[in-house]
């Protein structure tokens, strides 16, 4: 696979499935009133965004609603505390970060976003 900074590019046959661009902003120190703060500069990635409402069922916790699924063409570490700016500019909360592996190891990242 061709390498790039921050992760691994998908095979050429799969990159056509990533028509969108999302920007990930990492968390910064909370504001004085305790509100979440995010980095002012984000990192953009090729991605595929779908708006498929779903529900996450957890064995020992509450149910979370998912409003969008984002497949990111990178293997960069993304925390649930980060925020993901979608192509239209909205920033729904990250509910779950899923590392997707293939036979060679980590292949790409999948995000489940709430509303």
C-alpha atoms as a PDB file:
ATOM      1  CA  UNK A   1       0.000   0.000   0.000  1.00  0.00           C
ATOM      2  CA  UNK A   2       1.183   3.543  -0.641  1.00  0.00           C
ATOM      3  CA  UNK A   3       2.022   5.399   2.564  1.00  0.00           C
ATOM      4  CA  UNK A   4       1.082   8.926   3.557  1.00  0.00           C
ATOM      5  CA  UNK A   5       1.568  10.977   6.710  1.00  0.00           C
ATOM      6  CA  UNK A   6      -0.991  10.027   9.354  1.00  0.00           C
ATOM      7  CA  UNK A   7      -1.941   6.620   8.081  1.00  0.00           C
ATOM      8  CA  UNK A   8      -2.370   4.320   5.133  1.00  0.00           C
ATOM      9  CA  UNK A   9      -4.104   5.126   1.870  1.00  0.00           C
ATOM     10  CA  UNK A  10      -6.692   2.647   0.726  1.00  0.00           C
ATOM     11  CA  UNK A  11      -6.087   0.680  -2.417  1.00  0.00           C
ATOM     12  CA  UNK A  12      -6.825   2.664  -5.581  1.00  0.00           C
ATOM     13  CA  UNK A  13      -9.941   0.568  -6.221  1.00  0.00           C
ATOM     14  CA  UNK A  14     -11.418   1.757  -2.899  1.00  0.00           C
ATOM     15  CA  UNK A  15     -10.447   5.433  -2.913  1.00  0.00           C
ATOM     16  CA  UNK A  16     -13.289   6.173  -5.338  1.00  0.00           C
ATOM     17  CA  UNK A  17     -15.634   5.197  -2.530  1.00  0.00           C
ATOM     18  CA  UNK A  18     -14.346   8.141  -0.460  1.00  0.00           C
ATOM     19  CA  UNK A  19     -15.890  11.178  -2.227  1.00  0.00           C
ATOM     20  CA  UNK A  20     -16.239  13.386   0.862  1.00  0.00           C
ATOM     21  CA  UNK A  21     -13.807  15.341   3.014  1.00  0.00           C
ATOM     22  CA  UNK A  22     -14.135  15.568   6.792  1.00  0.00           C
ATOM     23  CA  UNK A  23     -12.022  17.556   9.211  1.00  0.00           C
ATOM     24  CA  UNK A  24     -11.067  16.212  12.634  1.00  0.00           C
ATOM     25  CA  UNK A  25     -10.431  18.687  15.460  1.00  0.00           C
ATOM     26  CA  UNK A  26      -8.718  17.300  18.553  1.00  0.00           C
ATOM     27  CA  UNK A  27      -9.721  18.304  22.055  1.00  0.00           C
ATOM     28  CA  UNK A  28      -8.023  21.198  23.815  1.00  0.00           C
ATOM     29  CA  UNK A  29      -8.094  22.262  27.458  1.00  0.00           C
ATOM     30  CA  UNK A  30     -11.645  22.955  28.705  1.00  0.00           C
ATOM     31  CA  UNK A  31     -12.741  26.575  28.951  1.00  0.00           C
ATOM     32  CA  UNK A  32     -12.967  28.358  32.320  1.00  0.00           C
ATOM     33  CA  UNK A  33     -16.641  27.387  32.586  1.00  0.00           C
ATOM     34  CA  UNK A  34     -15.868  23.717  31.821  1.00  0.00           C
ATOM     35  CA  UNK A  35     -17.194  23.715  28.249  1.00  0.00           C
ATOM     36  CA  UNK A  36     -15.450  21.552  25.657  1.00  0.00           C
ATOM     37  CA  UNK A  37     -12.785  23.278  23.588  1.00  0.00           C
ATOM     38  CA  UNK A  38     -11.329  22.008  20.343  1.00  0.00           C
ATOM     39  CA  UNK A  39      -8.183  22.780  18.404  1.00  0.00           C
ATOM     40  CA  UNK A  40      -8.582  25.733  16.056  1.00  0.00           C
ATOM     41  CA  UNK A  41      -6.786  23.869  13.277  1.00  0.00           C
ATOM     42  CA  UNK A  42      -8.062  20.514  12.141  1.00  0.00           C
ATOM     43  CA  UNK A  43      -6.776  17.813   9.845  1.00  0.00           C
ATOM     44  CA  UNK A  44      -8.780  16.940   6.727  1.00  0.00           C
ATOM     45  CA  UNK A  45      -9.204  13.397   5.430  1.00  0.00           C
ATOM     46  CA  UNK A  46     -10.842  11.711   2.468  1.00  0.00           C
ATOM     47  CA  UNK A  47     -13.937   9.963   3.712  1.00  0.00           C
ATOM     48  CA  UNK A  48     -17.336   8.507   2.956  1.00  0.00           C
ATOM     49  CA  UNK A  49     -20.235   9.955   4.932  1.00  0.00           C
ATOM     50  CA  UNK A  50     -23.625   8.282   5.091  1.00  0.00           C
ATOM     51  CA  UNK A  51     -26.648   9.428   7.036  1.00  0.00           C
ATOM     52  CA  UNK A  52     -28.125   6.152   8.226  1.00  0.00           C
ATOM     53  CA  UNK A  53     -29.979   6.404  11.537  1.00  0.00           C
ATOM     54  CA  UNK A  54     -29.114   3.456  13.787  1.00  0.00           C
ATOM     55  CA  UNK A  55     -28.866   2.527  17.445  1.00  0.00           C
ATOM     56  CA  UNK A  56     -25.791   1.361  19.358  1.00  0.00           C
ATOM     57  CA  UNK A  57     -26.679  -1.310  21.886  1.00  0.00           C
ATOM     58  CA  UNK A  58     -24.176  -1.603  24.725  1.00  0.00           C
ATOM     59  CA  UNK A  59     -23.934  -4.587  27.041  1.00  0.00           C
ATOM     60  CA  UNK A  60     -23.545  -2.521  30.217  1.00  0.00           C
ATOM     61  CA  UNK A  61     -24.757   0.934  29.395  1.00  0.00           C
ATOM     62  CA  UNK A  62     -27.223   3.191  27.706  1.00  0.00           C
ATOM     63  CA  UNK A  63     -28.337   3.059  24.111  1.00  0.00           C
ATOM     64  CA  UNK A  64     -26.921   5.742  21.808  1.00  0.00           C
ATOM     65  CA  UNK A  65     -28.531   7.057  18.652  1.00  0.00           C
ATOM     66  CA  UNK A  66     -26.330   7.283  15.567  1.00  0.00           C
ATOM     67  CA  UNK A  67     -27.226   9.679  12.773  1.00  0.00           C
ATOM     68  CA  UNK A  68     -24.161   9.423  10.527  1.00  0.00           C
ATOM     69  CA  UNK A  69     -21.412   6.923   9.745  1.00  0.00           C
ATOM     70  CA  UNK A  70     -18.020   8.141   8.494  1.00  0.00           C
ATOM     71  CA  UNK A  71     -15.348   5.902   6.976  1.00  0.00           C
ATOM     72  CA  UNK A  72     -11.985   7.725   7.013  1.00  0.00           C
ATOM     73  CA  UNK A  73      -9.123   6.868   4.666  1.00  0.00           C
ATOM     74  CA  UNK A  74      -6.495   6.968   7.399  1.00  0.00           C
ATOM     75  CA  UNK A  75      -5.172   5.002  10.336  1.00  0.00           C
ATOM     76  CA  UNK A  76      -4.613   8.066  12.521  1.00  0.00           C
ATOM     77  CA  UNK A  77      -5.729   7.734  16.148  1.00  0.00           C
ATOM     78  CA  UNK A  78      -8.975   9.645  16.763  1.00  0.00           C
ATOM     79  CA  UNK A  79     -10.440   9.981  20.251  1.00  0.00           C
ATOM     80  CA  UNK A  80     -14.132  10.050  21.114  1.00  0.00           C
ATOM     81  CA  UNK A  81     -13.487  13.486  22.605  1.00  0.00           C
ATOM     82  CA  UNK A  82     -12.514  14.931  19.215  1.00  0.00           C
ATOM     83  CA  UNK A  83     -15.032  16.495  16.866  1.00  0.00           C
ATOM     84  CA  UNK A  84     -15.651  15.695  13.208  1.00  0.00           C
ATOM     85  CA  UNK A  85     -16.724  18.485  10.843  1.00  0.00           C
ATOM     86  CA  UNK A  86     -18.881  17.025   8.085  1.00  0.00           C
ATOM     87  CA  UNK A  87     -18.986  18.401   4.509  1.00  0.00           C
ATOM     88  CA  UNK A  88     -21.972  20.639   5.327  1.00  0.00           C
ATOM     89  CA  UNK A  89     -20.178  22.098   8.359  1.00  0.00           C
ATOM     90  CA  UNK A  90     -22.117  20.343  11.130  1.00  0.00           C
ATOM     91  CA  UNK A  91     -20.154  18.739  13.989  1.00  0.00           C
ATOM     92  CA  UNK A  92     -22.198  15.955  15.572  1.00  0.00           C
ATOM     93  CA  UNK A  93     -20.605  14.270  18.598  1.00  0.00           C
ATOM     94  CA  UNK A  94     -18.462  11.188  18.037  1.00  0.00           C
ATOM     95  CA  UNK A  95     -20.257   8.275  19.710  1.00  0.00           C
ATOM     96  CA  UNK A  96     -17.805   5.541  18.780  1.00  0.00           C
ATOM     97  CA  UNK A  97     -14.433   5.138  17.028  1.00  0.00           C
ATOM     98  CA  UNK A  98     -13.924   1.775  15.322  1.00  0.00           C
ATOM     99  CA  UNK A  99     -10.555   0.577  14.052  1.00  0.00           C
ATOM    100  CA  UNK A 100     -11.138  -1.542  10.929  1.00  0.00           C
ATOM    101  CA  UNK A 101      -8.510  -4.208  10.291  1.00  0.00           C
ATOM    102  CA  UNK A 102      -7.706  -6.363   7.311  1.00  0.00           C
ATOM    103  CA  UNK A 103      -5.217  -9.242   6.996  1.00  0.00           C
ATOM    104  CA  UNK A 104      -2.303  -6.764   7.138  1.00  0.00           C
ATOM    105  CA  UNK A 105      -3.508  -4.920  10.255  1.00  0.00           C
ATOM    106  CA  UNK A 106      -5.217  -1.571  10.744  1.00  0.00           C
ATOM    107  CA  UNK A 107      -6.792  -0.470   7.455  1.00  0.00           C
ATOM    108  CA  UNK A 108      -9.030   2.525   8.155  1.00  0.00           C
ATOM    109  CA  UNK A 109     -11.179   4.248  10.787  1.00  0.00           C
ATOM    110  CA  UNK A 110     -14.973   4.215  11.092  1.00  0.00           C
ATOM    111  CA  UNK A 111     -16.788   6.845  13.172  1.00  0.00           C
ATOM    112  CA  UNK A 112     -20.350   6.639  14.473  1.00  0.00           C
ATOM    113  CA  UNK A 113     -21.737  10.133  14.994  1.00  0.00           C
ATOM    114  CA  UNK A 114     -24.707  11.169  17.123  1.00  0.00           C
ATOM    115  CA  UNK A 115     -27.233  13.933  16.673  1.00  0.00           C
END
